[in-house]
Amino acid sequence: MVLAAIAVLTAAAWLRGAEYDEQYTLFLTAGTARPVWPATMFPAGMAASIQAGHTTFAAIACDLRTTDVHPPLYFWAVSVWRWAFGPTLFAARMLSVLCGVVSVWLVGIIARWCGIRPALAMLITLGCYGFVYTNAIARGFAPAETLTLAGIALLLVRRFVAAGLFLGAACCCNYLAVFVGAAAVVAAGAWTAIPAALPFLALDGWFFLAQHAARDGQFPPFLLWASIIRLVRYQGAAIFGALPLYLSGIWQNLAGAGLALVSVLLVVPVIRTRPWTGSPAIRPILAAAGAPAIGLLALGAVFDNTPIELRYLSFGLPFVALLLATPSRLVGWRVALLLTLQLGGIAGLLLAPRTMQPAGAAARDAVRLAGRAVVLVPSGNDGVGIVGAFGISATPAMPMLVVSRGEAVAPLLAPFDRVAVAVLAQDRDSIAELGALHAVLAAADWRQVAGTRYLEVFQRCGGC
């Protein structure tokens, strides 16, 4: 099963296009958290050259406290990893792959100690779309999941102090790991784990107090029923993937309803076994499985927002897999149905463009259609996620020009007779920037001559 994990996670790290959030990991650990792009045309390869730098732990900590909303431990680890294995996106992703492989192994260890079928628990974990996704991207989810699993494994053998150290370190990779860690500690009655975690939690607090207002408006306002519905949908997607997205119209609705029915068929046998009445060892697993959903609802209610995303639910997926592997009734057709659907979801994650962010597709379209045109790329809210992802996906010599919000567009276009617009509407600023571009290009002296979903090519035609 470990070999299967290596194959699946490495394939995901290699095949999936560059993502918005990953660019911050690469720029931050290169020493340029917020790059300042030239006001004139420059080669796309500049993005990769900026990301090739190195910096110190202290500089990373300072930049995190002033420019982001994450704790430092993962970024420090990536900084060391880059020195050993290189500055590329794939190299950074392989740190997450390593963590994911260890996580699958830990699921097997925990399953064996709890009397659960290890191979099935590991297979269901590896089949979860959200698990594979978060263990193949260059973000802090993967090490946080690994450290959480290690901490809970230690709770089960009553090594509470060591468990506290691992669970605290998990929170220092991603704040949201605290939901799973706290729930497991309470369920196990492992109160002596708390003092061991305090140094990490204190470091988290020092960072969080400086960052907590940095992403105001990132999520929509909190509405209880809308949040619950969103949770159910994303929990299903975290396990089964984006299968309904591959269909359209009524078939998409039918696929969604079918997955909901399958979920009920899988959950009912778990409920019938009443795991909460069984061995004390299973109680931390049960608490950890439900903690992310409950924690995100509570977080939304407190801060009046809806911080519910598929990747945030990933922390509970190994424990959901352990519970699904528990009931003796989950045999035969139920297991076959679950694993078949998961296989389809993972295939989509590896291969389906609809499950990937658009930078890679836009760069490929630019190679095919733009010719010698300069590619206009929206800056987005910070000039990091969109520009970086497109830059490292494009050919190094491709000419590009960053368009920032509030900047006069017409003078930017004056030197060019042919331009290509990378249609990367991934945040509020990029949507506004693309609107300004299209307003100018709708003038009589520009005509669209080619286009796809993610790239539009315009030719100046002198009033034609």
Protein backbone atom coordinates (compact mmCIF):
# COMPACT_ATOMS: atom_id res chain seq x y z
CA MET A 1 0.00 0.00 0.00
CA VAL A 2 2.93 2.33 0.66
CA LEU A 3 4.15 1.75 -2.91
CA ALA A 4 0.69 2.62 -4.22
CA ALA A 5 0.77 5.82 -2.16
CA ILE A 6 4.15 6.76 -3.64
CA ALA A 7 2.85 6.18 -7.17
CA VAL A 8 -0.46 8.02 -6.79
CA LEU A 9 0.86 11.03 -4.90
CA THR A 10 3.91 11.45 -7.12
CA ALA A 11 1.69 11.29 -10.21
CA ALA A 12 -0.58 13.97 -8.75
CA ALA A 13 2.40 16.19 -7.92
CA TRP A 14 3.73 15.84 -11.47
CA LEU A 15 0.51 16.07 -13.49
CA ARG A 16 -1.40 18.86 -11.78
CA GLY A 17 -0.88 22.41 -12.96
CA ALA A 18 0.61 25.20 -10.86
CA GLU A 19 -1.79 26.66 -8.29
CA TYR A 20 -2.45 30.14 -6.92
CA ASP A 21 -1.61 29.46 -3.25
CA GLU A 22 1.53 27.48 -4.00
CA GLN A 23 3.20 30.57 -5.43
CA TYR A 24 3.32 32.19 -2.02
CA THR A 25 5.19 29.14 -0.69
CA LEU A 26 7.78 29.47 -3.45
CA PHE A 27 8.19 33.26 -3.33
CA LEU A 28 8.26 33.41 0.48
CA THR A 29 10.94 30.73 0.85
CA ALA A 30 12.93 32.39 -1.95
CA GLY A 31 13.06 35.65 0.02
CA THR A 32 10.60 37.69 -2.09
CA ALA A 33 7.19 37.33 -0.49
CA ARG A 34 5.62 40.06 -2.63
CA PRO A 35 7.51 40.48 -5.93
CA VAL A 36 7.34 43.84 -7.70
CA TRP A 37 6.87 43.14 -11.40
CA PRO A 38 8.26 45.45 -14.11
CA ALA A 39 5.88 48.04 -15.52
CA THR A 40 6.98 47.00 -19.01
CA MET A 41 7.12 43.71 -20.90
CA PHE A 42 9.35 41.00 -19.40
CA PRO A 43 10.02 37.28 -20.07
CA ALA A 44 7.88 34.76 -18.18
CA GLY A 45 11.05 33.03 -16.99
CA MET A 46 11.58 35.91 -14.52
CA ALA A 47 9.03 34.26 -12.20
CA ALA A 48 11.07 31.06 -11.93
CA SER A 49 14.31 33.03 -11.47
CA ILE A 50 12.83 34.99 -8.55
CA GLN A 51 11.57 31.75 -6.99
CA ALA A 52 15.06 30.23 -7.20
CA GLY A 53 16.40 32.34 -4.32
CA HIS A 54 16.91 31.39 -0.67
CA THR A 55 16.40 33.20 2.62
CA THR A 56 16.63 32.78 6.39
CA PHE A 57 14.17 31.48 8.96
CA ALA A 58 14.01 34.96 10.50
CA ALA A 59 13.14 36.60 7.18
CA ILE A 60 10.43 33.99 6.55
CA ALA A 61 8.95 34.66 9.99
CA CYS A 62 8.98 38.42 9.44
CA ASP A 63 7.33 38.14 6.03
CA LEU A 64 4.70 35.72 7.34
CA ARG A 65 3.70 38.04 10.15
CA THR A 66 3.24 40.95 7.75
CA THR A 67 1.94 39.36 4.54
CA ASP A 68 0.11 36.09 5.25
CA VAL A 69 -2.18 34.13 7.58
CA HIS A 70 -0.21 30.95 8.24
CA PRO A 71 2.18 29.69 10.95
CA PRO A 72 5.87 29.19 10.14
CA LEU A 73 6.85 25.53 10.63
CA TYR A 74 5.93 24.28 7.15
CA PHE A 75 7.69 27.18 5.42
CA TRP A 76 10.83 26.64 7.47
CA ALA A 77 10.78 22.97 6.45
CA VAL A 78 10.33 23.90 2.77
CA SER A 79 13.24 26.32 3.05
CA VAL A 80 15.54 23.49 4.16
CA TRP A 81 14.05 21.09 1.60
CA ARG A 82 14.75 23.56 -1.23
CA TRP A 83 18.43 23.73 -0.32
CA ALA A 84 18.64 19.94 -0.72
CA PHE A 85 16.35 19.28 -3.69
CA GLY A 86 16.06 22.52 -5.67
CA PRO A 87 13.65 25.44 -5.97
CA THR A 88 11.12 24.07 -8.47
CA LEU A 89 7.43 23.59 -7.75
CA PHE A 90 7.68 19.83 -8.26
CA ALA A 91 10.56 19.62 -5.77
CA ALA A 92 8.50 21.50 -3.16
CA ARG A 93 5.51 19.26 -3.85
CA MET A 94 7.62 16.17 -3.16
CA LEU A 95 7.92 17.21 0.49
CA SER A 96 4.13 16.93 0.66
CA VAL A 97 4.28 13.57 -1.15
CA LEU A 98 6.74 12.26 1.43
CA CYS A 99 4.41 13.37 4.22
CA GLY A 100 1.45 11.75 2.48
CA VAL A 101 3.23 8.40 2.19
CA VAL A 102 4.07 8.51 5.91
CA SER A 103 0.44 9.40 6.65
CA VAL A 104 -0.85 6.34 4.78
CA TRP A 105 1.59 4.19 6.75
CA LEU A 106 0.41 5.74 10.02
CA VAL A 107 -3.22 5.02 9.11
CA GLY A 108 -2.26 1.36 8.85
CA ILE A 109 -0.55 1.48 12.26
CA ILE A 110 -3.55 3.12 13.92
CA ALA A 111 -5.95 0.67 12.24
CA ARG A 112 -3.98 -2.30 13.53
CA TRP A 113 -4.01 -0.96 17.08
CA CYS A 114 -7.77 -0.30 16.92
CA GLY A 115 -8.69 -3.69 15.45
CA ILE A 116 -9.64 -2.17 12.08
CA ARG A 117 -8.67 -3.75 8.76
CA PRO A 118 -5.38 -1.93 7.97
CA ALA A 119 -5.25 -2.53 4.22
CA LEU A 120 -8.82 -1.32 3.71
CA ALA A 121 -8.33 1.75 5.89
CA MET A 122 -5.15 2.68 4.00
CA LEU A 123 -6.82 2.09 0.63
CA ILE A 124 -9.86 4.23 1.50
CA THR A 125 -7.55 7.00 2.75
CA LEU A 126 -5.54 6.93 -0.46
CA GLY A 127 -8.79 6.98 -2.43
CA CYS A 128 -9.99 10.20 -0.82
CA TYR A 129 -9.77 13.05 -3.31
CA GLY A 130 -9.06 15.60 -0.58
CA PHE A 131 -6.25 13.49 0.89
CA VAL A 132 -4.45 13.03 -2.44
CA TYR A 133 -4.93 16.69 -3.35
CA THR A 134 -3.55 18.10 -0.10
CA ASN A 135 -0.61 15.68 -0.15
CA ALA A 136 0.42 16.66 -3.67
CA ILE A 137 0.51 20.48 -3.45
CA ALA A 138 3.13 22.75 -1.94
CA ARG A 139 1.18 23.90 1.10
CA GLY A 140 1.22 23.07 4.81
CA PHE A 141 -1.69 20.62 4.86
CA ALA A 142 0.38 17.47 4.27
CA PRO A 143 2.87 17.83 7.15
CA ALA A 144 0.05 18.96 9.45
CA GLU A 145 -1.89 15.77 8.60
CA THR A 146 1.19 13.60 9.18
CA LEU A 147 1.99 15.17 12.53
CA THR A 148 -1.67 14.91 13.59
CA LEU A 149 -1.77 11.19 12.75
CA ALA A 150 1.50 10.64 14.61
CA GLY A 151 0.13 12.50 17.63
CA ILE A 152 -3.07 10.46 17.71
CA ALA A 153 -1.12 7.23 17.27
CA LEU A 154 0.86 8.21 20.38
CA LEU A 155 -2.36 9.02 22.24
CA LEU A 156 -3.54 5.47 21.61
CA VAL A 157 -0.43 4.03 23.33
CA ARG A 158 -0.74 6.62 26.11
CA ARG A 159 2.46 8.51 25.26
CA PHE A 160 0.68 11.72 26.06
CA VAL A 161 3.65 14.09 26.30
CA ALA A 162 5.05 12.96 22.96
CA ALA A 163 1.54 13.17 21.49
CA GLY A 164 1.26 16.76 22.66
CA LEU A 165 4.53 17.66 20.95
CA PHE A 166 3.37 16.20 17.62
CA LEU A 167 -0.10 17.72 17.81
CA GLY A 168 1.36 21.11 18.73
CA ALA A 169 3.78 20.91 15.81
CA ALA A 170 0.84 20.08 13.51
CA CYS A 171 -0.87 23.32 14.55
CA CYS A 172 2.39 25.14 13.79
CA CYS A 173 2.12 23.88 10.19
CA ASN A 174 -1.55 24.81 9.80
CA TYR A 175 -3.75 26.51 12.37
CA LEU A 176 -6.79 24.38 11.49
CA ALA A 177 -5.07 21.21 12.73
CA VAL A 178 -6.01 22.40 16.22
CA PHE A 179 -9.58 21.16 15.74
CA VAL A 180 -8.51 17.53 15.29
CA GLY A 181 -5.80 17.67 17.93
CA ALA A 182 -8.01 19.24 20.59
CA ALA A 183 -10.90 16.83 19.90
CA ALA A 184 -8.63 13.78 20.13
CA VAL A 185 -7.00 14.97 23.36
CA VAL A 186 -10.39 15.54 25.00
CA ALA A 187 -11.74 12.19 23.78
CA ALA A 188 -8.69 10.36 25.10
CA GLY A 189 -8.64 12.32 28.38
CA ALA A 190 -4.96 13.01 27.65
CA TRP A 191 -4.69 16.22 29.64
CA THR A 192 -0.92 15.90 30.11
CA ALA A 193 -0.53 16.36 26.34
CA ILE A 194 -1.60 19.99 26.62
CA PRO A 195 1.51 21.39 28.39
CA ALA A 196 3.73 19.71 25.80
CA ALA A 197 1.85 21.46 23.00
CA LEU A 198 1.94 24.90 24.63
CA PRO A 199 5.28 26.13 23.15
CA PHE A 200 3.94 25.52 19.64
CA LEU A 201 0.57 27.06 20.49
CA ALA A 202 2.31 30.13 21.95
CA LEU A 203 4.27 30.54 18.71
CA ASP A 204 1.00 30.18 16.79
CA GLY A 205 -0.56 32.88 18.93
CA TRP A 206 2.32 35.27 18.28
CA PHE A 207 1.86 34.87 14.54
CA PHE A 208 -1.93 34.83 14.57
CA LEU A 209 -2.26 38.07 16.53
CA ALA A 210 -0.25 39.83 13.83
CA GLN A 211 -2.12 38.18 10.95
CA HIS A 212 -5.77 37.77 11.97
CA ALA A 213 -7.06 40.80 10.03
CA ALA A 214 -4.89 40.25 6.94
CA ARG A 215 -7.55 38.49 4.83
CA ASP A 216 -10.67 40.39 5.80
CA GLY A 217 -13.41 39.70 3.25
CA GLN A 218 -11.82 36.47 1.98
CA PHE A 219 -14.97 34.44 2.77
CA PRO A 220 -18.70 35.24 2.47
CA PRO A 221 -20.73 36.06 5.63
CA PHE A 222 -21.84 33.19 7.87
CA LEU A 223 -25.28 31.66 7.34
CA LEU A 224 -25.96 28.51 9.36
CA TRP A 225 -27.99 26.45 6.89
CA ALA A 226 -25.95 27.55 3.91
CA SER A 227 -22.80 26.57 5.82
CA ILE A 228 -24.20 23.15 6.72
CA ILE A 229 -25.16 22.47 3.11
CA ARG A 230 -21.72 23.59 1.96
CA LEU A 231 -20.10 21.31 4.54
CA VAL A 232 -22.07 18.28 3.36
CA ARG A 233 -21.21 18.96 -0.27
CA TYR A 234 -17.51 19.47 0.39
CA GLN A 235 -17.27 16.48 2.71
CA GLY A 236 -18.68 14.32 -0.09
CA ALA A 237 -16.28 15.90 -2.58
CA ALA A 238 -13.35 15.32 -0.24
CA ILE A 239 -14.09 11.59 -0.29
CA PHE A 240 -15.38 11.04 -3.84
CA GLY A 241 -13.91 13.93 -5.81
CA ALA A 242 -15.48 16.08 -8.48
CA LEU A 243 -17.37 13.34 -10.33
CA PRO A 244 -20.54 15.42 -11.01
CA LEU A 245 -18.41 18.13 -12.66
CA TYR A 246 -17.66 15.82 -15.55
CA LEU A 247 -21.34 15.86 -16.53
CA SER A 248 -23.75 18.66 -17.40
CA GLY A 249 -27.42 19.54 -17.06
CA ILE A 250 -29.71 17.04 -15.40
CA TRP A 251 -26.98 14.37 -15.44
CA GLN A 252 -24.88 16.47 -13.09
CA ASN A 253 -27.78 16.71 -10.64
CA LEU A 254 -28.44 12.97 -10.90
CA ALA A 255 -24.76 12.23 -10.25
CA GLY A 256 -24.82 14.43 -7.17
CA ALA A 257 -27.95 12.71 -5.89
CA GLY A 258 -26.38 9.33 -6.57
CA LEU A 259 -23.30 10.20 -4.54
CA ALA A 260 -25.53 11.39 -1.70
CA LEU A 261 -27.31 8.01 -1.74
CA VAL A 262 -23.99 6.15 -1.73
CA SER A 263 -22.86 8.24 1.24
CA VAL A 264 -25.97 7.19 3.17
CA LEU A 265 -25.35 3.53 2.30
CA LEU A 266 -21.81 3.83 3.66
CA VAL A 267 -22.62 5.81 6.80
CA VAL A 268 -25.53 3.64 8.00
CA PRO A 269 -23.34 0.56 8.70
CA VAL A 270 -20.94 2.77 10.68
CA ILE A 271 -23.77 4.16 12.81
CA ARG A 272 -25.17 0.68 13.42
CA THR A 273 -21.88 -0.44 14.94
CA ARG A 274 -22.13 2.45 17.47
CA PRO A 275 -18.36 2.97 17.61
CA TRP A 276 -18.71 5.45 20.47
CA THR A 277 -19.73 2.54 22.73
CA GLY A 278 -16.80 0.33 21.77
CA SER A 279 -13.14 0.29 22.72
CA PRO A 280 -11.79 3.52 24.22
CA ALA A 281 -9.17 3.45 21.46
CA ILE A 282 -11.80 4.27 18.84
CA ARG A 283 -13.09 7.39 20.59
CA PRO A 284 -10.21 9.71 19.56
CA ILE A 285 -10.70 8.44 15.99
CA LEU A 286 -14.40 9.27 16.10
CA ALA A 287 -13.70 12.71 17.56
CA ALA A 288 -11.01 13.44 14.96
CA ALA A 289 -13.30 12.46 12.09
CA GLY A 290 -15.97 15.00 13.04
CA ALA A 291 -13.75 17.75 14.42
CA PRO A 292 -12.96 19.65 11.17
CA ALA A 293 -16.62 20.11 10.22
CA ILE A 294 -17.65 21.17 13.73
CA GLY A 295 -14.61 23.40 14.09
CA LEU A 296 -15.20 25.18 10.78
CA LEU A 297 -18.83 25.84 11.69
CA ALA A 298 -17.78 27.28 15.05
CA LEU A 299 -15.06 29.37 13.41
CA GLY A 300 -17.54 30.76 10.91
CA ALA A 301 -20.04 31.64 13.62
CA VAL A 302 -17.40 33.44 15.71
CA PHE A 303 -15.87 35.47 12.86
CA ASP A 304 -19.07 35.83 10.76
CA ASN A 305 -17.68 34.17 7.66
CA THR A 306 -17.83 30.82 5.86
CA PRO A 307 -14.32 29.30 5.88
CA ILE A 308 -15.45 25.98 4.41
CA GLU A 309 -13.27 24.52 1.66
CA LEU A 310 -12.50 20.97 0.59
CA ARG A 311 -8.86 21.20 1.66
CA TYR A 312 -9.81 22.34 5.17
CA LEU A 313 -11.77 19.11 5.63
CA SER A 314 -8.73 17.03 4.67
CA PHE A 315 -7.54 16.80 8.28
CA GLY A 316 -10.41 14.47 9.14
CA LEU A 317 -10.24 12.21 6.08
CA PRO A 318 -7.85 9.52 7.44
CA PHE A 319 -10.13 9.15 10.45
CA VAL A 320 -13.24 8.99 8.28
CA ALA A 321 -11.47 6.23 6.34
CA LEU A 322 -10.72 4.37 9.58
CA LEU A 323 -14.39 4.53 10.57
CA LEU A 324 -15.56 3.39 7.13
CA ALA A 325 -13.24 0.40 7.38
CA THR A 326 -14.59 -0.55 10.82
CA PRO A 327 -18.04 -2.16 10.27
CA SER A 328 -18.17 -5.83 9.42
CA ARG A 329 -21.10 -4.97 7.15
CA LEU A 330 -18.89 -2.82 4.91
CA VAL A 331 -17.96 -5.77 2.71
CA GLY A 332 -18.62 -6.98 -0.79
CA TRP A 333 -20.57 -4.59 -2.97
CA ARG A 334 -20.32 -1.65 -0.56
CA VAL A 335 -16.53 -1.79 -0.54
CA ALA A 336 -16.41 -2.29 -4.31
CA LEU A 337 -18.76 0.65 -4.90
CA LEU A 338 -16.83 2.96 -2.57
CA LEU A 339 -13.43 2.13 -4.06
CA THR A 340 -14.72 2.33 -7.64
CA LEU A 341 -16.14 5.81 -7.09
CA GLN A 342 -12.96 6.90 -5.36
CA LEU A 343 -10.88 5.58 -8.26
CA GLY A 344 -12.93 7.71 -10.64
CA GLY A 345 -12.41 10.76 -8.45
CA ILE A 346 -8.62 10.23 -8.28
CA ALA A 347 -8.44 9.71 -12.05
CA GLY A 348 -10.18 13.06 -12.47
CA LEU A 349 -7.80 14.73 -10.02
CA LEU A 350 -4.84 13.46 -12.05
CA LEU A 351 -6.17 14.08 -15.54
CA ALA A 352 -9.32 16.24 -15.75
CA PRO A 353 -8.69 19.93 -16.57
CA ARG A 354 -11.88 20.89 -14.71
CA THR A 355 -10.28 19.89 -11.41
CA MET A 356 -7.21 22.05 -12.01
CA GLN A 357 -6.57 25.77 -11.73
CA PRO A 358 -6.29 27.60 -15.06
CA ALA A 359 -2.71 28.92 -15.21
CA GLY A 360 -1.30 25.86 -16.94
CA ALA A 361 -4.10 25.75 -19.53
CA ALA A 362 -3.69 29.48 -20.24
CA ALA A 363 0.06 29.05 -20.73
CA ARG A 364 -0.45 26.13 -23.13
CA ASP A 365 -3.02 28.12 -25.09
CA ALA A 366 -0.58 31.03 -25.29
CA VAL A 367 2.10 28.80 -26.82
CA ARG A 368 -0.42 27.56 -29.38
CA LEU A 369 -2.23 30.79 -30.26
CA ALA A 370 -0.40 33.92 -29.15
CA GLY A 371 2.57 33.78 -31.50
CA ARG A 372 4.72 36.83 -30.83
CA ALA A 373 1.97 38.64 -28.95
CA VAL A 374 2.66 39.93 -25.47
CA VAL A 375 0.52 38.09 -22.91
CA LEU A 376 -1.36 40.40 -20.54
CA VAL A 377 -1.68 38.81 -17.09
CA PRO A 378 -3.88 40.27 -14.31
CA SER A 379 -1.95 41.02 -11.14
CA GLY A 380 -4.68 39.80 -8.79
CA ASN A 381 -4.80 40.95 -5.21
CA ASP A 382 -1.06 40.72 -4.54
CA GLY A 383 0.84 39.92 -7.74
CA VAL A 384 1.79 36.51 -6.37
CA GLY A 385 -0.67 33.71 -7.07
CA ILE A 386 -1.81 34.48 -10.61
CA VAL A 387 1.38 35.96 -12.04
CA GLY A 388 3.62 33.34 -10.44
CA ALA A 389 1.52 30.38 -11.55
CA PHE A 390 1.33 31.63 -15.14
CA GLY A 391 5.00 32.59 -15.23
CA ILE A 392 6.33 29.19 -14.18
CA SER A 393 3.84 27.41 -16.49
CA ALA A 394 4.77 29.41 -19.58
CA THR A 395 7.86 29.03 -21.74
CA PRO A 396 10.69 31.13 -20.21
CA ALA A 397 10.98 33.44 -23.22
CA MET A 398 7.26 34.19 -23.52
CA PRO A 399 6.73 37.98 -23.32
CA MET A 400 4.24 39.00 -20.64
CA LEU A 401 2.99 42.19 -19.06
CA VAL A 402 1.30 42.46 -15.66
CA VAL A 403 -1.85 44.58 -15.49
CA SER A 404 -2.62 46.00 -12.05
CA ARG A 405 -5.90 47.32 -10.69
CA GLY A 406 -6.36 51.06 -11.13
CA GLU A 407 -3.64 51.25 -13.77
CA ALA A 408 -4.50 53.01 -17.04
CA VAL A 409 -4.80 50.21 -19.60
CA ALA A 410 -4.77 52.13 -22.91
CA PRO A 411 -1.18 53.46 -22.48
CA LEU A 412 0.00 49.94 -21.66
CA LEU A 413 -1.35 48.64 -24.96
CA ALA A 414 -0.09 51.55 -27.08
CA PRO A 415 3.23 49.91 -28.12
CA PHE A 416 1.60 46.68 -29.31
CA ASP A 417 -0.33 45.58 -32.38
CA ARG A 418 -1.12 42.10 -31.08
CA VAL A 419 -1.84 41.09 -27.49
CA ALA A 420 -3.13 38.00 -25.71
CA VAL A 421 -5.18 38.22 -22.51
CA ALA A 422 -4.74 35.45 -19.96
CA VAL A 423 -8.31 35.10 -18.64
CA LEU A 424 -7.39 34.22 -15.06
CA ALA A 425 -10.28 35.58 -12.98
CA GLN A 426 -9.28 34.06 -9.63
CA ASP A 427 -9.95 36.86 -7.15
CA ARG A 428 -11.76 40.19 -6.94
CA ASP A 429 -8.84 42.27 -8.20
CA SER A 430 -8.19 40.06 -11.22
CA ILE A 431 -11.87 40.22 -12.18
CA ALA A 432 -11.68 44.04 -12.11
CA GLU A 433 -8.41 44.06 -14.06
CA LEU A 434 -9.82 41.80 -16.77
CA GLY A 435 -12.89 44.05 -16.99
CA ALA A 436 -10.69 47.09 -17.59
CA LEU A 437 -8.73 45.22 -20.26
CA HIS A 438 -11.84 44.10 -22.09
CA ALA A 439 -13.28 47.63 -21.98
CA VAL A 440 -10.25 48.97 -23.87
CA LEU A 441 -10.01 46.01 -26.26
CA ALA A 442 -13.66 46.46 -27.20
CA ALA A 443 -12.66 49.70 -28.95
CA ALA A 444 -12.98 49.94 -32.73
CA ASP A 445 -9.26 49.48 -33.45
CA TRP A 446 -9.00 46.05 -31.78
CA ARG A 447 -10.46 42.77 -33.01
CA GLN A 448 -10.37 39.34 -31.36
CA VAL A 449 -8.72 36.87 -33.75
CA ALA A 450 -8.48 33.74 -31.58
CA GLY A 451 -9.61 32.56 -28.19
CA THR A 452 -10.22 29.76 -25.74
CA ARG A 453 -11.72 29.66 -22.28
CA TYR A 454 -8.47 30.92 -20.71
CA LEU A 455 -6.79 32.97 -23.45
CA GLU A 456 -8.02 35.62 -25.90
CA VAL A 457 -5.88 37.00 -28.72
CA PHE A 458 -6.52 40.51 -30.11
CA GLN A 459 -5.11 42.22 -33.20
CA ARG A 460 -4.98 45.98 -33.75
CA CYS A 461 -6.63 46.66 -37.06
CA GLY A 462 -6.64 50.46 -37.38
CA GLY A 463 -10.41 51.01 -37.11
CA CYS A 464 -11.53 48.02 -39.16
